[in-house]
Amino acid sequence: MQFLTIRELSKSPAETLTRLSGDGKAVLTNNGKPQALLFKIDGNSFEKTLSMLQKLEFLQNLTEMRLTSMKNGNEGMTLDEINAEISAVRKKRKSKAKSG
């Protein structure tokens, strides 16, 4: 995977995108630190790629929450607690939808 600077991208965006044609991925850096990932996509795969990235983001967030919970001494929620939380959120959403 290649690394590109924000400066390179701002000076020559078309050339930078052309460089993605190799393996289709690049890390965008700012002052030597990774800031973003670039993926080459086409019009046919945009929705699928976006969906997969959203799922990955969800899994990363879930893993982070689980690790935080374990560090704080919580073993996790029981199934009853999870279902109660889901019900509470659904009720809140329904009441907002009715009032809005």
PDB file of N, CA and C in Angstrom:
ATOM      1  N   MET A   1       0.856  -1.166   0.000  1.00  0.00           N
ATOM      2  CA  MET A   1       0.000   0.000   0.000  1.00  0.00           C
ATOM      3  C   MET A   1       0.903   1.230   0.000  1.00  0.00           C
ATOM      4  N   GLN A   2       0.533   2.179  -0.819  1.00  0.00           N
ATOM      5  CA  GLN A   2       1.353   3.380  -0.910  1.00  0.00           C
ATOM      6  C   GLN A   2       0.865   4.464   0.047  1.00  0.00           C
ATOM      7  N   PHE A   3       1.761   5.371   0.382  1.00  0.00           N
ATOM      8  CA  PHE A   3       1.457   6.494   1.250  1.00  0.00           C
ATOM      9  C   PHE A   3       1.530   7.779   0.433  1.00  0.00           C
ATOM     10  N   LEU A   4       0.517   8.624   0.599  1.00  0.00           N
ATOM     11  CA  LEU A   4       0.454   9.899  -0.101  1.00  0.00           C
ATOM     12  C   LEU A   4       0.260  11.003   0.924  1.00  0.00           C
ATOM     13  N   THR A   5       0.847  12.149   0.653  1.00  0.00           N
ATOM     14  CA  THR A   5       0.663  13.272   1.570  1.00  0.00           C
ATOM     15  C   THR A   5      -0.530  14.117   1.144  1.00  0.00           C
ATOM     16  N   ILE A   6      -1.068  14.833   2.106  1.00  0.00           N
ATOM     17  CA  ILE A   6      -2.167  15.752   1.805  1.00  0.00           C
ATOM     18  C   ILE A   6      -1.700  16.800   0.797  1.00  0.00           C
ATOM     19  N   ARG A   7      -0.445  17.205   0.909  1.00  0.00           N
ATOM     20  CA  ARG A   7       0.117  18.191  -0.020  1.00  0.00           C
ATOM     21  C   ARG A   7       0.089  17.648  -1.453  1.00  0.00           C
ATOM     22  N   GLU A   8       0.478  16.370  -1.624  1.00  0.00           N
ATOM     23  CA  GLU A   8       0.449  15.768  -2.964  1.00  0.00           C
ATOM     24  C   GLU A   8      -0.969  15.777  -3.524  1.00  0.00           C
ATOM     25  N   LEU A   9      -1.918  15.420  -2.675  1.00  0.00           N
ATOM     26  CA  LEU A   9      -3.310  15.368  -3.114  1.00  0.00           C
ATOM     27  C   LEU A   9      -3.828  16.750  -3.494  1.00  0.00           C
ATOM     28  N   SER A  10      -3.487  17.761  -2.707  1.00  0.00           N
ATOM     29  CA  SER A  10      -3.996  19.101  -3.010  1.00  0.00           C
ATOM     30  C   SER A  10      -3.333  19.715  -4.237  1.00  0.00           C
ATOM     31  N   LYS A  11      -2.059  19.396  -4.480  1.00  0.00           N
ATOM     32  CA  LYS A  11      -1.358  19.960  -5.641  1.00  0.00           C
ATOM     33  C   LYS A  11      -1.778  19.314  -6.951  1.00  0.00           C
ATOM     34  N   SER A  12      -1.981  17.991  -6.921  1.00  0.00           N
ATOM     35  CA  SER A  12      -2.313  17.294  -8.170  1.00  0.00           C
ATOM     36  C   SER A  12      -3.293  16.154  -7.905  1.00  0.00           C
ATOM     37  N   PRO A  13      -4.573  16.504  -7.672  1.00  0.00           N
ATOM     38  CA  PRO A  13      -5.562  15.473  -7.346  1.00  0.00           C
ATOM     39  C   PRO A  13      -5.748  14.427  -8.440  1.00  0.00           C
ATOM     40  N   ALA A  14      -5.766  14.831  -9.701  1.00  0.00           N
ATOM     41  CA  ALA A  14      -5.969  13.865 -10.790  1.00  0.00           C
ATOM     42  C   ALA A  14      -4.820  12.861 -10.848  1.00  0.00           C
ATOM     43  N   GLU A  15      -3.594  13.357 -10.725  1.00  0.00           N
ATOM     44  CA  GLU A  15      -2.432  12.466 -10.745  1.00  0.00           C
ATOM     45  C   GLU A  15      -2.437  11.522  -9.542  1.00  0.00           C
ATOM     46  N   THR A  16      -2.846  12.044  -8.401  1.00  0.00           N
ATOM     47  CA  THR A  16      -2.911  11.222  -7.190  1.00  0.00           C
ATOM     48  C   THR A  16      -3.909  10.088  -7.368  1.00  0.00           C
ATOM     49  N   LEU A  17      -5.064  10.394  -7.940  1.00  0.00           N
ATOM     50  CA  LEU A  17      -6.059   9.348  -8.173  1.00  0.00           C
ATOM     51  C   LEU A  17      -5.567   8.329  -9.192  1.00  0.00           C
ATOM     52  N   THR A  18      -4.808   8.775 -10.175  1.00  0.00           N
ATOM     53  CA  THR A  18      -4.237   7.856 -11.164  1.00  0.00           C
ATOM     54  C   THR A  18      -3.289   6.878 -10.489  1.00  0.00           C
ATOM     55  N   ARG A  19      -2.557   7.356  -9.494  1.00  0.00           N
ATOM     56  CA  ARG A  19      -1.625   6.487  -8.772  1.00  0.00           C
ATOM     57  C   ARG A  19      -2.334   5.374  -8.011  1.00  0.00           C
ATOM     58  N   LEU A  20      -3.617   5.549  -7.749  1.00  0.00           N
ATOM     59  CA  LEU A  20      -4.397   4.515  -7.064  1.00  0.00           C
ATOM     60  C   LEU A  20      -4.678   3.316  -7.957  1.00  0.00           C
ATOM     61  N   SER A  21      -4.413   3.439  -9.242  1.00  0.00           N
ATOM     62  CA  SER A  21      -4.761   2.358 -10.161  1.00  0.00           C
ATOM     63  C   SER A  21      -3.978   1.080  -9.899  1.00  0.00           C
ATOM     64  N   GLY A  22      -2.859   1.148  -9.194  1.00  0.00           N
ATOM     65  CA  GLY A  22      -2.074  -0.040  -8.874  1.00  0.00           C
ATOM     66  C   GLY A  22      -2.871  -1.044  -8.058  1.00  0.00           C
ATOM     67  N   ASP A  23      -2.751  -0.983  -6.732  1.00  0.00           N
ATOM     68  CA  ASP A  23      -3.515  -1.907  -5.891  1.00  0.00           C
ATOM     69  C   ASP A  23      -4.830  -1.302  -5.424  1.00  0.00           C
ATOM     70  N   GLY A  24      -5.070  -0.034  -5.773  1.00  0.00           N
ATOM     71  CA  GLY A  24      -6.357   0.590  -5.470  1.00  0.00           C
ATOM     72  C   GLY A  24      -6.503   1.119  -4.064  1.00  0.00           C
ATOM     73  N   LYS A  25      -5.405   1.159  -3.292  1.00  0.00           N
ATOM     74  CA  LYS A  25      -5.484   1.634  -1.921  1.00  0.00           C
ATOM     75  C   LYS A  25      -4.295   2.537  -1.624  1.00  0.00           C
ATOM     76  N   ALA A  26      -4.522   3.516  -0.745  1.00  0.00           N
ATOM     77  CA  ALA A  26      -3.427   4.386  -0.310  1.00  0.00           C
ATOM     78  C   ALA A  26      -3.774   4.958   1.055  1.00  0.00           C
ATOM     79  N   VAL A  27      -2.732   5.296   1.794  1.00  0.00           N
ATOM     80  CA  VAL A  27      -2.891   5.963   3.082  1.00  0.00           C
ATOM     81  C   VAL A  27      -2.562   7.435   2.857  1.00  0.00           C
ATOM     82  N   LEU A  28      -3.458   8.299   3.268  1.00  0.00           N
ATOM     83  CA  LEU A  28      -3.247   9.733   3.149  1.00  0.00           C
ATOM     84  C   LEU A  28      -2.663  10.224   4.468  1.00  0.00           C
ATOM     85  N   THR A  29      -1.512  10.897   4.387  1.00  0.00           N
ATOM     86  CA  THR A  29      -0.830  11.324   5.607  1.00  0.00           C
ATOM     87  C   THR A  29      -0.767  12.846   5.707  1.00  0.00           C
ATOM     88  N   ASN A  30      -0.634  13.307   6.928  1.00  0.00           N
ATOM     89  CA  ASN A  30      -0.439  14.721   7.215  1.00  0.00           C
ATOM     90  C   ASN A  30       0.663  14.808   8.262  1.00  0.00           C
ATOM     91  N   ASN A  31       1.754  15.464   7.914  1.00  0.00           N
ATOM     92  CA  ASN A  31       2.928  15.532   8.793  1.00  0.00           C
ATOM     93  C   ASN A  31       3.413  14.143   9.197  1.00  0.00           C
ATOM     94  N   GLY A  32       3.351  13.208   8.259  1.00  0.00           N
ATOM     95  CA  GLY A  32       3.845  11.861   8.487  1.00  0.00           C
ATOM     96  C   GLY A  32       2.914  10.942   9.260  1.00  0.00           C
ATOM     97  N   LYS A  33       1.746  11.440   9.651  1.00  0.00           N
ATOM     98  CA  LYS A  33       0.794  10.630  10.418  1.00  0.00           C
ATOM     99  C   LYS A  33      -0.393  10.252   9.545  1.00  0.00           C
ATOM    100  N   PRO A  34      -0.819   8.984   9.587  1.00  0.00           N
ATOM    101  CA  PRO A  34      -1.982   8.568   8.797  1.00  0.00           C
ATOM    102  C   PRO A  34      -3.228   9.352   9.197  1.00  0.00           C
ATOM    103  N   GLN A  35      -3.948   9.843   8.201  1.00  0.00           N
ATOM    104  CA  GLN A  35      -5.160  10.624   8.432  1.00  0.00           C
ATOM    105  C   GLN A  35      -6.391  10.009   7.769  1.00  0.00           C
ATOM    106  N   ALA A  36      -6.191   9.298   6.659  1.00  0.00           N
ATOM    107  CA  ALA A  36      -7.330   8.753   5.927  1.00  0.00           C
ATOM    108  C   ALA A  36      -6.865   7.620   5.029  1.00  0.00           C
ATOM    109  N   LEU A  37      -7.818   6.821   4.624  1.00  0.00           N
ATOM    110  CA  LEU A  37      -7.564   5.764   3.644  1.00  0.00           C
ATOM    111  C   LEU A  37      -8.268   6.137   2.348  1.00  0.00           C
ATOM    112  N   LEU A  38      -7.599   5.901   1.239  1.00  0.00           N
ATOM    113  CA  LEU A  38      -8.198   6.114  -0.077  1.00  0.00           C
ATOM    114  C   LEU A  38      -8.386   4.753  -0.737  1.00  0.00           C
ATOM    115  N   PHE A  39      -9.571   4.539  -1.299  1.00  0.00           N
ATOM    116  CA  PHE A  39      -9.879   3.306  -2.007  1.00  0.00           C
ATOM    117  C   PHE A  39     -10.372   3.649  -3.396  1.00  0.00           C
ATOM    118  N   LYS A  40      -9.861   2.960  -4.379  1.00  0.00           N
ATOM    119  CA  LYS A  40     -10.371   3.146  -5.736  1.00  0.00           C
ATOM    120  C   LYS A  40     -11.687   2.382  -5.839  1.00  0.00           C
ATOM    121  N   ILE A  41     -12.712   3.056  -6.352  1.00  0.00           N
ATOM    122  CA  ILE A  41     -14.008   2.418  -6.542  1.00  0.00           C
ATOM    123  C   ILE A  41     -14.537   2.790  -7.918  1.00  0.00           C
ATOM    124  N   ASP A  42     -15.523   2.043  -8.362  1.00  0.00           N
ATOM    125  CA  ASP A  42     -16.202   2.425  -9.594  1.00  0.00           C
ATOM    126  C   ASP A  42     -17.680   2.627  -9.276  1.00  0.00           C
ATOM    127  N   GLY A  43     -18.388   3.144 -10.210  1.00  0.00           N
ATOM    128  CA  GLY A  43     -19.807   3.433  -9.984  1.00  0.00           C
ATOM    129  C   GLY A  43     -20.626   2.216  -9.619  1.00  0.00           C
ATOM    130  N   ASN A  44     -20.217   1.053 -10.071  1.00  0.00           N
ATOM    131  CA  ASN A  44     -20.984  -0.167  -9.801  1.00  0.00           C
ATOM    132  C   ASN A  44     -20.766  -0.709  -8.394  1.00  0.00           C
ATOM    133  N   SER A  45     -19.637  -0.390  -7.779  1.00  0.00           N
ATOM    134  CA  SER A  45     -19.339  -0.972  -6.469  1.00  0.00           C
ATOM    135  C   SER A  45     -19.405   0.037  -5.326  1.00  0.00           C
ATOM    136  N   PHE A  46     -19.788   1.272  -5.623  1.00  0.00           N
ATOM    137  CA  PHE A  46     -19.780   2.307  -4.596  1.00  0.00           C
ATOM    138  C   PHE A  46     -20.619   1.936  -3.385  1.00  0.00           C
ATOM    139  N   GLU A  47     -21.880   1.581  -3.597  1.00  0.00           N
ATOM    140  CA  GLU A  47     -22.788   1.276  -2.483  1.00  0.00           C
ATOM    141  C   GLU A  47     -22.280   0.077  -1.681  1.00  0.00           C
ATOM    142  N   LYS A  48     -21.795  -0.945  -2.368  1.00  0.00           N
ATOM    143  CA  LYS A  48     -21.287  -2.139  -1.693  1.00  0.00           C
ATOM    144  C   LYS A  48     -20.046  -1.798  -0.856  1.00  0.00           C
ATOM    145  N   THR A  49     -19.151  -1.005  -1.417  1.00  0.00           N
ATOM    146  CA  THR A  49     -17.936  -0.612  -0.699  1.00  0.00           C
ATOM    147  C   THR A  49     -18.287   0.229   0.511  1.00  0.00           C
ATOM    148  N   LEU A  50     -19.183   1.183   0.351  1.00  0.00           N
ATOM    149  CA  LEU A  50     -19.604   2.031   1.454  1.00  0.00           C
ATOM    150  C   LEU A  50     -20.245   1.201   2.563  1.00  0.00           C
ATOM    151  N   SER A  51     -21.094   0.270   2.198  1.00  0.00           N
ATOM    152  CA  SER A  51     -21.748  -0.599   3.178  1.00  0.00           C
ATOM    153  C   SER A  51     -20.720  -1.422   3.963  1.00  0.00           C
ATOM    154  N   MET A  52     -19.735  -1.964   3.269  1.00  0.00           N
ATOM    155  CA  MET A  52     -18.710  -2.752   3.947  1.00  0.00           C
ATOM    156  C   MET A  52     -17.889  -1.889   4.899  1.00  0.00           C
ATOM    157  N   LEU A  53     -17.572  -0.664   4.506  1.00  0.00           N
ATOM    158  CA  LEU A  53     -16.821   0.237   5.382  1.00  0.00           C
ATOM    159  C   LEU A  53     -17.637   0.623   6.612  1.00  0.00           C
ATOM    160  N   GLN A  54     -18.933   0.817   6.445  1.00  0.00           N
ATOM    161  CA  GLN A  54     -19.793   1.136   7.579  1.00  0.00           C
ATOM    162  C   GLN A  54     -19.867  -0.037   8.551  1.00  0.00           C
ATOM    163  N   LYS A  55     -19.918  -1.251   8.024  1.00  0.00           N
ATOM    164  CA  LYS A  55     -19.925  -2.439   8.886  1.00  0.00           C
ATOM    165  C   LYS A  55     -18.614  -2.563   9.644  1.00  0.00           C
ATOM    166  N   LEU A  56     -17.515  -2.282   8.971  1.00  0.00           N
ATOM    167  CA  LEU A  56     -16.210  -2.323   9.618  1.00  0.00           C
ATOM    168  C   LEU A  56     -16.138  -1.287  10.734  1.00  0.00           C
ATOM    169  N   GLU A  57     -16.624  -0.086  10.463  1.00  0.00           N
ATOM    170  CA  GLU A  57     -16.624   0.963  11.475  1.00  0.00           C
ATOM    171  C   GLU A  57     -17.461   0.549  12.688  1.00  0.00           C
ATOM    172  N   PHE A  58     -18.608  -0.062  12.426  1.00  0.00           N
ATOM    173  CA  PHE A  58     -19.465  -0.546  13.510  1.00  0.00           C
ATOM    174  C   PHE A  58     -18.729  -1.579  14.354  1.00  0.00           C
ATOM    175  N   LEU A  59     -18.077  -2.550  13.698  1.00  0.00           N
ATOM    176  CA  LEU A  59     -17.358  -3.589  14.425  1.00  0.00           C
ATOM    177  C   LEU A  59     -16.205  -3.017  15.245  1.00  0.00           C
ATOM    178  N   GLN A  60     -15.508  -2.026  14.695  1.00  0.00           N
ATOM    179  CA  GLN A  60     -14.427  -1.381  15.447  1.00  0.00           C
ATOM    180  C   GLN A  60     -14.977  -0.679  16.684  1.00  0.00           C
ATOM    181  N   ASN A  61     -16.090   0.031  16.530  1.00  0.00           N
ATOM    182  CA  ASN A  61     -16.705   0.718  17.662  1.00  0.00           C
ATOM    183  C   ASN A  61     -17.195  -0.272  18.711  1.00  0.00           C
ATOM    184  N   LEU A  62     -17.791  -1.355  18.266  1.00  0.00           N
ATOM    185  CA  LEU A  62     -18.282  -2.373  19.182  1.00  0.00           C
ATOM    186  C   LEU A  62     -17.128  -2.990  19.962  1.00  0.00           C
ATOM    187  N   THR A  63     -16.043  -3.297  19.285  1.00  0.00           N
ATOM    188  CA  THR A  63     -14.870  -3.867  19.949  1.00  0.00           C
ATOM    189  C   THR A  63     -14.313  -2.895  20.981  1.00  0.00           C
ATOM    190  N   GLU A  64     -14.247  -1.630  20.622  1.00  0.00           N
ATOM    191  CA  GLU A  64     -13.747  -0.608  21.538  1.00  0.00           C
ATOM    192  C   GLU A  64     -14.635  -0.491  22.772  1.00  0.00           C
ATOM    193  N   MET A  65     -15.950  -0.530  22.569  1.00  0.00           N
ATOM    194  CA  MET A  65     -16.875  -0.458  23.703  1.00  0.00           C
ATOM    195  C   MET A  65     -16.721  -1.673  24.612  1.00  0.00           C
ATOM    196  N   ARG A  66     -16.564  -2.846  24.020  1.00  0.00           N
ATOM    197  CA  ARG A  66     -16.389  -4.062  24.825  1.00  0.00           C
ATOM    198  C   ARG A  66     -15.105  -3.997  25.643  1.00  0.00           C
ATOM    199  N   LEU A  67     -14.024  -3.535  25.027  1.00  0.00           N
ATOM    200  CA  LEU A  67     -12.753  -3.429  25.746  1.00  0.00           C
ATOM    201  C   LEU A  67     -12.858  -2.417  26.887  1.00  0.00           C
ATOM    202  N   THR A  68     -13.509  -1.301  26.635  1.00  0.00           N
ATOM    203  CA  THR A  68     -13.708  -0.296  27.682  1.00  0.00           C
ATOM    204  C   THR A  68     -14.529  -0.859  28.825  1.00  0.00           C
ATOM    205  N   SER A  69     -15.568  -1.589  28.484  1.00  0.00           N
ATOM    206  CA  SER A  69     -16.422  -2.199  29.499  1.00  0.00           C
ATOM    207  C   SER A  69     -15.627  -3.184  30.358  1.00  0.00           C
ATOM    208  N   MET A  70     -14.803  -3.999  29.712  1.00  0.00           N
ATOM    209  CA  MET A  70     -14.007  -4.976  30.451  1.00  0.00           C
ATOM    210  C   MET A  70     -12.984  -4.286  31.352  1.00  0.00           C
ATOM    211  N   LYS A  71     -12.373  -3.200  30.870  1.00  0.00           N
ATOM    212  CA  LYS A  71     -11.401  -2.455  31.677  1.00  0.00           C
ATOM    213  C   LYS A  71     -12.061  -1.845  32.905  1.00  0.00           C
ATOM    214  N   ASN A  72     -13.339  -1.485  32.768  1.00  0.00           N
ATOM    215  CA  ASN A  72     -14.073  -0.877  33.879  1.00  0.00           C
ATOM    216  C   ASN A  72     -14.663  -1.911  34.817  1.00  0.00           C
ATOM    217  N   GLY A  73     -14.368  -3.178  34.570  1.00  0.00           N
ATOM    218  CA  GLY A  73     -14.840  -4.231  35.462  1.00  0.00           C
ATOM    219  C   GLY A  73     -16.216  -4.768  35.151  1.00  0.00           C
ATOM    220  N   ASN A  74     -16.780  -4.371  34.050  1.00  0.00           N
ATOM    221  CA  ASN A  74     -18.095  -4.882  33.658  1.00  0.00           C
ATOM    222  C   ASN A  74     -17.912  -6.102  32.778  1.00  0.00           C
ATOM    223  N   GLU A  75     -18.601  -7.136  33.099  1.00  0.00           N
ATOM    224  CA  GLU A  75     -18.505  -8.365  32.313  1.00  0.00           C
ATOM    225  C   GLU A  75     -19.414  -8.339  31.096  1.00  0.00           C
ATOM    226  N   GLY A  76     -20.223  -7.322  31.012  1.00  0.00           N
ATOM    227  CA  GLY A  76     -21.140  -7.224  29.888  1.00  0.00           C
ATOM    228  C   GLY A  76     -22.574  -7.270  30.357  1.00  0.00           C
ATOM    229  N   MET A  77     -23.469  -7.002  29.451  1.00  0.00           N
ATOM    230  CA  MET A  77     -24.885  -6.964  29.778  1.00  0.00           C
ATOM    231  C   MET A  77     -25.490  -8.347  29.600  1.00  0.00           C
ATOM    232  N   THR A  78     -26.497  -8.630  30.410  1.00  0.00           N
ATOM    233  CA  THR A  78     -27.236  -9.871  30.231  1.00  0.00           C
ATOM    234  C   THR A  78     -28.179  -9.696  29.045  1.00  0.00           C
ATOM    235  N   LEU A  79     -28.724 -10.788  28.563  1.00  0.00           N
ATOM    236  CA  LEU A  79     -29.664 -10.720  27.444  1.00  0.00           C
ATOM    237  C   LEU A  79     -30.887  -9.896  27.828  1.00  0.00           C
ATOM    238  N   ASP A  80     -31.368 -10.025  29.053  1.00  0.00           N
ATOM    239  CA  ASP A  80     -32.519  -9.234  29.503  1.00  0.00           C
ATOM    240  C   ASP A  80     -32.200  -7.737  29.505  1.00  0.00           C
ATOM    241  N   GLU A  81     -30.986  -7.383  29.931  1.00  0.00           N
ATOM    242  CA  GLU A  81     -30.583  -5.975  29.932  1.00  0.00           C
ATOM    243  C   GLU A  81     -30.480  -5.432  28.510  1.00  0.00           C
ATOM    244  N   ILE A  82     -29.955  -6.229  27.609  1.00  0.00           N
ATOM    245  CA  ILE A  82     -29.846  -5.824  26.201  1.00  0.00           C
ATOM    246  C   ILE A  82     -31.232  -5.593  25.614  1.00  0.00           C
ATOM    247  N   ASN A  83     -32.154  -6.533  25.857  1.00  0.00           N
ATOM    248  CA  ASN A  83     -33.515  -6.402  25.330  1.00  0.00           C
ATOM    249  C   ASN A  83     -34.231  -5.195  25.929  1.00  0.00           C
ATOM    250  N   ALA A  84     -33.995  -4.923  27.208  1.00  0.00           N
ATOM    251  CA  ALA A  84     -34.602  -3.751  27.845  1.00  0.00           C
ATOM    252  C   ALA A  84     -34.063  -2.466  27.220  1.00  0.00           C
ATOM    253  N   GLU A  85     -32.785  -2.431  26.945  1.00  0.00           N
ATOM    254  CA  GLU A  85     -32.176  -1.250  26.319  1.00  0.00           C
ATOM    255  C   GLU A  85     -32.732  -1.033  24.910  1.00  0.00           C
ATOM    256  N   ILE A  86     -32.864  -2.108  24.148  1.00  0.00           N
ATOM    257  CA  ILE A  86     -33.434  -2.019  22.796  1.00  0.00           C
ATOM    258  C   ILE A  86     -34.861  -1.494  22.855  1.00  0.00           C
ATOM    259  N   SER A  87     -35.641  -2.021  23.782  1.00  0.00           N
ATOM    260  CA  SER A  87     -37.038  -1.572  23.930  1.00  0.00           C
ATOM    261  C   SER A  87     -37.108  -0.092  24.277  1.00  0.00           C
ATOM    262  N   ALA A  88     -36.236   0.354  25.178  1.00  0.00           N
ATOM    263  CA  ALA A  88     -36.235   1.765  25.577  1.00  0.00           C
ATOM    264  C   ALA A  88     -35.915   2.671  24.396  1.00  0.00           C
ATOM    265  N   VAL A  89     -34.942   2.285  23.587  1.00  0.00           N
ATOM    266  CA  VAL A  89     -34.571   3.091  22.419  1.00  0.00           C
ATOM    267  C   VAL A  89     -35.710   3.104  21.405  1.00  0.00           C
ATOM    268  N   ARG A  90     -36.338   1.964  21.187  1.00  0.00           N
ATOM    269  CA  ARG A  90     -37.455   1.910  20.237  1.00  0.00           C
ATOM    270  C   ARG A  90     -38.618   2.796  20.693  1.00  0.00           C
ATOM    271  N   LYS A  91     -38.930   2.769  21.994  1.00  0.00           N
ATOM    272  CA  LYS A  91     -40.005   3.614  22.519  1.00  0.00           C
ATOM    273  C   LYS A  91     -39.670   5.086  22.324  1.00  0.00           C
ATOM    274  N   LYS A  92     -38.433   5.447  22.587  1.00  0.00           N
ATOM    275  CA  LYS A  92     -37.998   6.830  22.427  1.00  0.00           C
ATOM    276  C   LYS A  92     -38.141   7.279  20.975  1.00  0.00           C
ATOM    277  N   ARG A  93     -37.733   6.398  20.044  1.00  0.00           N
ATOM    278  CA  ARG A  93     -37.842   6.734  18.623  1.00  0.00           C
ATOM    279  C   ARG A  93     -39.294   6.895  18.188  1.00  0.00           C
ATOM    280  N   LYS A  94     -40.161   6.015  18.689  1.00  0.00           N
ATOM    281  CA  LYS A  94     -41.578   6.105  18.336  1.00  0.00           C
ATOM    282  C   LYS A  94     -42.197   7.397  18.847  1.00  0.00           C
ATOM    283  N   SER A  95     -41.839   7.771  20.071  1.00  0.00           N
ATOM    284  CA  SER A  95     -42.415   9.004  20.628  1.00  0.00           C
ATOM    285  C   SER A  95     -41.901  10.229  19.866  1.00  0.00           C
ATOM    286  N   LYS A  96     -40.657  10.209  19.429  1.00  0.00           N
ATOM    287  CA  LYS A  96     -40.121  11.314  18.631  1.00  0.00           C
ATOM    288  C   LYS A  96     -40.818  11.389  17.284  1.00  0.00           C
ATOM    289  N   ALA A  97     -41.067  10.219  16.678  1.00  0.00           N
ATOM    290  CA  ALA A  97     -41.714  10.182  15.360  1.00  0.00           C
ATOM    291  C   ALA A  97     -43.142  10.717  15.450  1.00  0.00           C
ATOM    292  N   LYS A  98     -43.832  10.405  16.538  1.00  0.00           N
ATOM    293  CA  LYS A  98     -45.209  10.874  16.697  1.00  0.00           C
ATOM    294  C   LYS A  98     -45.262  12.383  16.956  1.00  0.00           C
ATOM    295  N   SER A  99     -44.301  12.880  17.710  1.00  0.00           N
ATOM    296  CA  SER A  99     -44.309  14.313  18.036  1.00  0.00           C
ATOM    297  C   SER A  99     -43.708  15.163  16.936  1.00  0.00           C
ATOM    298  N   GLY A 100     -42.893  14.542  16.066  1.00  0.00           N
ATOM    299  CA  GLY A 100     -42.202  15.323  15.022  1.00  0.00           C
ATOM    300  C   GLY A 100     -42.800  15.205  13.732  1.00  0.00           C
TER     301      GLY A 100
END
